[in-house]
């Protein structure tokens, strides 16, 4: 009986490990963007392995300067927003893995969310 319980526990643990091995809550790769702030010492910023579903404020907490250009080098889609809070009603556009945003002034964005 004790051997059966140990086997059942080990098999259950193995199933749990195998069922969650492929799931991830983070995109794999990097999102690179220009902050758009003329006083920013760093020209480009990098978000590495961003969490899916998390809103990333790209303004440095100021809410004022909008990013000028973004490159989605992750394996997830990146949704760009003109506000710093990733409000769904204001989606600027979606960048699929490997895509980059346009450089026109109307295309600036202040936040990004991955899914």
N, C-alpha and C. Protein backbone atom coordinates (compact mmCIF):
# COMPACT_ATOMS: atom_id res chain seq x y z
N UNK A 1 0.81 -1.19 0.00
CA UNK A 1 0.00 0.00 0.00
C UNK A 1 0.86 1.26 0.00
N UNK A 2 1.92 1.22 0.81
CA UNK A 2 2.80 2.38 0.90
C UNK A 2 3.50 2.63 -0.44
N UNK A 3 3.89 1.56 -1.13
CA UNK A 3 4.53 1.67 -2.43
C UNK A 3 3.58 2.27 -3.46
N UNK A 4 2.33 1.88 -3.42
CA UNK A 4 1.33 2.42 -4.33
C UNK A 4 1.13 3.92 -4.10
N UNK A 5 1.10 4.34 -2.84
CA UNK A 5 0.94 5.77 -2.51
C UNK A 5 2.14 6.58 -3.01
N UNK A 6 3.33 6.03 -2.84
CA UNK A 6 4.54 6.72 -3.30
C UNK A 6 4.54 6.83 -4.82
N UNK A 7 4.15 5.75 -5.49
CA UNK A 7 4.10 5.77 -6.94
C UNK A 7 3.06 6.79 -7.44
N UNK A 8 1.90 6.80 -6.82
CA UNK A 8 0.84 7.75 -7.20
C UNK A 8 1.30 9.18 -7.01
N UNK A 9 1.96 9.46 -5.90
CA UNK A 9 2.46 10.81 -5.63
C UNK A 9 3.51 11.22 -6.67
N UNK A 10 4.43 10.30 -6.99
CA UNK A 10 5.48 10.59 -7.97
C UNK A 10 4.88 10.80 -9.36
N UNK A 11 3.91 9.97 -9.74
CA UNK A 11 3.28 10.11 -11.05
C UNK A 11 2.50 11.42 -11.15
N UNK A 12 1.82 11.80 -10.07
CA UNK A 12 1.08 13.07 -10.05
C UNK A 12 2.04 14.25 -10.20
N UNK A 13 3.15 14.19 -9.49
CA UNK A 13 4.14 15.27 -9.59
C UNK A 13 4.71 15.37 -11.00
N UNK A 14 4.98 14.21 -11.63
CA UNK A 14 5.50 14.21 -12.99
C UNK A 14 4.50 14.81 -13.96
N UNK A 15 3.25 14.46 -13.82
CA UNK A 15 2.20 15.02 -14.70
C UNK A 15 2.12 16.53 -14.53
N UNK A 16 2.18 17.00 -13.31
CA UNK A 16 2.13 18.45 -13.06
C UNK A 16 3.32 19.16 -13.68
N UNK A 17 4.51 18.60 -13.55
CA UNK A 17 5.71 19.21 -14.14
C UNK A 17 5.60 19.23 -15.66
N UNK A 18 5.18 18.14 -16.25
CA UNK A 18 5.09 18.07 -17.71
C UNK A 18 3.98 18.97 -18.25
N UNK A 19 2.90 19.14 -17.52
CA UNK A 19 1.79 19.96 -18.02
C UNK A 19 2.10 21.44 -17.94
N UNK A 20 3.01 21.85 -17.05
CA UNK A 20 3.35 23.27 -16.94
C UNK A 20 4.67 23.60 -17.62
N UNK A 21 5.39 22.61 -18.13
CA UNK A 21 6.70 22.86 -18.73
C UNK A 21 6.61 23.77 -19.94
N UNK A 22 5.55 23.66 -20.72
CA UNK A 22 5.44 24.46 -21.93
C UNK A 22 4.80 25.81 -21.71
N UNK A 23 4.18 26.02 -20.57
CA UNK A 23 3.51 27.30 -20.35
C UNK A 23 4.49 28.31 -19.79
N UNK A 24 4.28 29.56 -20.13
CA UNK A 24 5.16 30.62 -19.67
C UNK A 24 4.36 31.89 -19.51
N UNK A 25 4.73 32.69 -18.54
CA UNK A 25 4.05 33.95 -18.36
C UNK A 25 4.88 35.11 -18.88
N UNK A 26 5.98 34.80 -19.54
CA UNK A 26 6.83 35.85 -20.09
C UNK A 26 7.11 35.59 -21.56
N UNK A 27 7.17 36.67 -22.30
CA UNK A 27 7.60 36.57 -23.69
C UNK A 27 9.11 36.32 -23.69
N UNK A 28 9.59 35.63 -24.69
CA UNK A 28 11.02 35.35 -24.79
C UNK A 28 11.62 36.32 -25.81
N UNK A 29 12.61 37.08 -25.39
CA UNK A 29 13.26 38.02 -26.30
C UNK A 29 13.29 39.43 -25.74
N UNK A 30 13.44 40.40 -26.64
CA UNK A 30 13.58 41.79 -26.21
C UNK A 30 12.67 42.72 -27.01
N UNK A 31 12.21 43.76 -26.33
CA UNK A 31 11.49 44.85 -26.98
C UNK A 31 12.39 46.08 -26.81
N UNK A 32 12.78 46.67 -27.93
CA UNK A 32 13.70 47.81 -27.92
C UNK A 32 12.93 49.04 -28.38
N UNK A 33 13.10 50.16 -27.67
CA UNK A 33 12.39 51.39 -28.05
C UNK A 33 13.23 52.62 -27.74
N UNK A 34 12.93 53.70 -28.45
CA UNK A 34 13.52 55.00 -28.22
C UNK A 34 12.56 55.76 -27.33
N UNK A 35 13.03 56.29 -26.22
CA UNK A 35 12.15 56.92 -25.24
C UNK A 35 11.50 58.20 -25.75
N UNK A 36 12.08 58.87 -26.72
CA UNK A 36 11.52 60.13 -27.21
C UNK A 36 11.82 61.32 -26.32
N UNK A 37 12.50 61.10 -25.20
CA UNK A 37 12.85 62.18 -24.28
C UNK A 37 14.20 62.76 -24.69
N UNK A 38 14.23 64.03 -25.10
CA UNK A 38 15.51 64.61 -25.55
C UNK A 38 16.54 64.73 -24.44
N UNK A 39 16.12 64.66 -23.18
CA UNK A 39 17.04 64.75 -22.04
C UNK A 39 17.49 63.39 -21.54
N UNK A 40 17.02 62.32 -22.17
CA UNK A 40 17.35 60.97 -21.76
C UNK A 40 18.77 60.63 -22.22
N UNK A 41 19.61 60.21 -21.29
CA UNK A 41 20.99 59.88 -21.62
C UNK A 41 21.08 58.62 -22.48
N UNK A 42 20.11 57.72 -22.34
CA UNK A 42 20.11 56.49 -23.13
C UNK A 42 19.23 56.69 -24.34
N UNK A 43 19.77 56.46 -25.51
CA UNK A 43 18.99 56.62 -26.73
C UNK A 43 17.95 55.52 -26.86
N UNK A 44 18.34 54.28 -26.59
CA UNK A 44 17.43 53.15 -26.69
C UNK A 44 17.30 52.44 -25.36
N UNK A 45 16.11 51.93 -25.10
CA UNK A 45 15.83 51.16 -23.90
C UNK A 45 15.42 49.75 -24.31
N UNK A 46 15.67 48.79 -23.43
CA UNK A 46 15.38 47.39 -23.74
C UNK A 46 14.57 46.78 -22.59
N UNK A 47 13.48 46.10 -22.96
CA UNK A 47 12.73 45.28 -22.02
C UNK A 47 13.02 43.83 -22.40
N UNK A 48 13.66 43.09 -21.50
CA UNK A 48 14.04 41.71 -21.80
C UNK A 48 13.06 40.74 -21.15
N UNK A 49 12.59 39.78 -21.94
CA UNK A 49 11.63 38.77 -21.49
C UNK A 49 10.46 39.39 -20.73
N UNK A 50 9.72 40.28 -21.38
CA UNK A 50 8.63 40.97 -20.69
C UNK A 50 7.50 40.01 -20.28
N UNK A 51 6.89 40.33 -19.17
CA UNK A 51 5.76 39.53 -18.67
C UNK A 51 4.54 39.77 -19.53
N UNK A 52 3.84 38.71 -19.89
CA UNK A 52 2.60 38.84 -20.64
C UNK A 52 1.51 39.43 -19.74
N UNK A 53 0.71 40.34 -20.32
CA UNK A 53 -0.40 40.93 -19.59
C UNK A 53 -0.04 42.09 -18.70
N UNK A 54 1.25 42.43 -18.60
CA UNK A 54 1.70 43.54 -17.77
C UNK A 54 1.83 44.79 -18.64
N UNK A 55 1.36 45.92 -18.13
CA UNK A 55 1.49 47.19 -18.86
C UNK A 55 2.85 47.80 -18.53
N UNK A 56 3.63 48.09 -19.56
CA UNK A 56 4.93 48.73 -19.38
C UNK A 56 4.81 50.20 -19.77
N UNK A 57 4.97 51.08 -18.79
CA UNK A 57 4.96 52.52 -19.01
C UNK A 57 6.33 52.89 -19.58
N UNK A 58 6.36 53.40 -20.81
CA UNK A 58 7.62 53.71 -21.48
C UNK A 58 8.03 55.16 -21.31
N UNK A 59 7.31 55.90 -20.47
CA UNK A 59 7.60 57.33 -20.29
C UNK A 59 8.51 57.61 -19.12
N UNK A 60 8.94 56.57 -18.43
CA UNK A 60 9.77 56.77 -17.24
C UNK A 60 8.97 57.33 -16.08
N UNK A 61 7.67 57.10 -16.09
CA UNK A 61 6.80 57.57 -15.02
C UNK A 61 6.32 59.00 -15.19
N UNK A 62 6.77 59.69 -16.22
CA UNK A 62 6.37 61.09 -16.42
C UNK A 62 5.04 61.21 -17.15
N UNK A 63 4.74 60.23 -18.01
CA UNK A 63 3.52 60.29 -18.80
C UNK A 63 3.58 61.26 -19.96
N UNK A 64 4.70 61.98 -20.10
CA UNK A 64 4.77 63.02 -21.13
C UNK A 64 5.42 62.57 -22.42
N UNK A 65 6.66 62.14 -22.36
CA UNK A 65 7.38 61.81 -23.59
C UNK A 65 6.92 60.48 -24.16
N UNK A 66 6.64 60.47 -25.44
CA UNK A 66 6.18 59.26 -26.12
C UNK A 66 7.35 58.61 -26.86
N UNK A 67 7.34 57.28 -26.88
CA UNK A 67 8.37 56.53 -27.60
C UNK A 67 8.25 56.82 -29.10
N UNK A 68 9.38 56.89 -29.76
CA UNK A 68 9.41 57.22 -31.19
C UNK A 68 9.44 55.99 -32.08
N UNK A 69 10.04 54.91 -31.60
CA UNK A 69 10.22 53.74 -32.45
C UNK A 69 10.34 52.52 -31.55
N UNK A 70 9.71 51.42 -31.94
CA UNK A 70 9.81 50.18 -31.18
C UNK A 70 10.09 49.00 -32.09
N UNK A 71 10.88 48.06 -31.60
CA UNK A 71 11.18 46.84 -32.33
C UNK A 71 10.79 45.66 -31.44
N UNK A 72 9.89 44.82 -31.93
CA UNK A 72 9.43 43.67 -31.16
C UNK A 72 10.26 42.45 -31.55
N UNK A 73 11.31 42.19 -30.79
CA UNK A 73 12.16 41.02 -31.02
C UNK A 73 11.83 39.93 -29.99
N UNK A 74 10.54 39.84 -29.62
CA UNK A 74 10.09 38.79 -28.72
C UNK A 74 9.30 37.76 -29.52
N UNK A 75 8.85 36.72 -28.83
CA UNK A 75 8.02 35.71 -29.48
C UNK A 75 6.53 35.93 -29.20
N UNK A 76 6.18 37.12 -28.70
CA UNK A 76 4.79 37.46 -28.39
C UNK A 76 4.38 38.71 -29.16
N UNK A 77 3.08 38.94 -29.25
CA UNK A 77 2.63 40.19 -29.89
C UNK A 77 2.72 41.31 -28.86
N UNK A 78 3.10 42.49 -29.33
CA UNK A 78 3.22 43.67 -28.49
C UNK A 78 2.15 44.68 -28.92
N UNK A 79 1.28 45.05 -28.00
CA UNK A 79 0.24 46.02 -28.29
C UNK A 79 0.71 47.38 -27.77
N UNK A 80 0.75 48.37 -28.66
CA UNK A 80 1.24 49.71 -28.32
C UNK A 80 0.06 50.63 -28.05
N UNK A 81 0.22 51.50 -27.05
CA UNK A 81 -0.85 52.42 -26.64
C UNK A 81 -0.33 53.86 -26.61
N UNK A 82 -1.18 54.82 -26.94
CA UNK A 82 -0.75 56.22 -26.89
C UNK A 82 -0.72 56.79 -25.47
N UNK A 83 -1.34 56.11 -24.51
CA UNK A 83 -1.32 56.57 -23.12
C UNK A 83 -0.36 55.68 -22.32
N UNK A 84 -0.06 56.07 -21.09
CA UNK A 84 0.90 55.33 -20.27
C UNK A 84 0.26 54.20 -19.47
N UNK A 85 -1.06 54.01 -19.58
CA UNK A 85 -1.76 53.02 -18.77
C UNK A 85 -2.28 51.82 -19.55
N UNK A 86 -1.95 51.69 -20.83
CA UNK A 86 -2.39 50.56 -21.66
C UNK A 86 -3.92 50.42 -21.68
N UNK A 87 -4.62 51.51 -21.82
CA UNK A 87 -6.08 51.45 -21.87
C UNK A 87 -6.51 50.88 -23.22
N UNK A 88 -7.26 49.78 -23.16
CA UNK A 88 -7.63 49.02 -24.35
C UNK A 88 -8.38 49.83 -25.40
N UNK A 89 -9.12 50.82 -25.01
CA UNK A 89 -9.89 51.58 -26.00
C UNK A 89 -9.00 52.49 -26.85
N UNK A 90 -7.74 52.63 -26.45
CA UNK A 90 -6.82 53.51 -27.18
C UNK A 90 -5.66 52.75 -27.81
N UNK A 91 -5.90 51.60 -28.38
CA UNK A 91 -4.82 50.82 -28.99
C UNK A 91 -4.26 51.57 -30.20
N UNK A 92 -2.95 51.78 -30.21
CA UNK A 92 -2.30 52.44 -31.35
C UNK A 92 -2.14 51.42 -32.47
N UNK A 93 -1.52 50.30 -32.19
CA UNK A 93 -1.44 49.17 -33.11
C UNK A 93 -0.76 47.99 -32.44
N UNK A 94 -0.72 46.87 -33.15
CA UNK A 94 -0.13 45.63 -32.64
C UNK A 94 1.08 45.29 -33.49
N UNK A 95 2.18 44.98 -32.81
CA UNK A 95 3.39 44.52 -33.49
C UNK A 95 3.52 43.02 -33.25
N UNK A 96 3.54 42.26 -34.31
CA UNK A 96 3.76 40.83 -34.22
C UNK A 96 5.27 40.59 -34.01
N UNK A 97 5.65 39.39 -33.58
CA UNK A 97 7.08 39.12 -33.39
C UNK A 97 7.89 39.46 -34.66
N UNK A 98 8.97 40.21 -34.47
CA UNK A 98 9.83 40.59 -35.58
C UNK A 98 9.46 41.91 -36.25
N UNK A 99 8.32 42.48 -35.92
CA UNK A 99 7.90 43.74 -36.55
C UNK A 99 8.40 44.94 -35.77
N UNK A 100 8.39 46.10 -36.44
CA UNK A 100 8.78 47.34 -35.79
C UNK A 100 7.75 48.42 -36.12
N UNK A 101 7.70 49.43 -35.25
CA UNK A 101 6.73 50.51 -35.44
C UNK A 101 7.24 51.52 -36.45
N UNK A 102 6.34 52.35 -36.90
CA UNK A 102 6.69 53.40 -37.86
C UNK A 102 7.26 54.61 -37.13
N UNK A 103 7.96 55.45 -37.85
CA UNK A 103 8.63 56.59 -37.24
C UNK A 103 7.85 57.90 -37.34
N UNK A 104 6.67 57.88 -37.91
CA UNK A 104 5.91 59.13 -38.05
C UNK A 104 5.46 59.65 -36.69
N UNK A 105 5.27 60.95 -36.59
CA UNK A 105 4.89 61.55 -35.31
C UNK A 105 3.54 61.04 -34.82
N UNK A 106 2.61 60.71 -35.71
CA UNK A 106 1.31 60.20 -35.26
C UNK A 106 1.41 58.80 -34.68
N UNK A 107 2.54 58.14 -34.87
CA UNK A 107 2.69 56.75 -34.46
C UNK A 107 3.37 56.60 -33.11
N UNK A 108 3.54 57.68 -32.37
CA UNK A 108 4.21 57.59 -31.07
C UNK A 108 3.35 56.85 -30.06
N UNK A 109 4.00 56.22 -29.08
CA UNK A 109 3.27 55.44 -28.09
C UNK A 109 3.95 55.62 -26.73
N UNK A 110 3.16 55.41 -25.66
CA UNK A 110 3.64 55.62 -24.30
C UNK A 110 3.67 54.37 -23.45
N UNK A 111 3.04 53.29 -23.92
CA UNK A 111 3.05 52.05 -23.16
C UNK A 111 2.91 50.86 -24.09
N UNK A 112 3.25 49.69 -23.57
CA UNK A 112 3.19 48.45 -24.35
C UNK A 112 2.75 47.32 -23.42
N UNK A 113 1.99 46.38 -23.99
CA UNK A 113 1.56 45.19 -23.26
C UNK A 113 1.74 43.99 -24.19
N UNK A 114 2.25 42.88 -23.64
CA UNK A 114 2.54 41.69 -24.42
C UNK A 114 1.51 40.60 -24.16
N UNK A 115 1.24 39.81 -25.21
CA UNK A 115 0.31 38.69 -25.04
C UNK A 115 0.68 37.57 -25.99
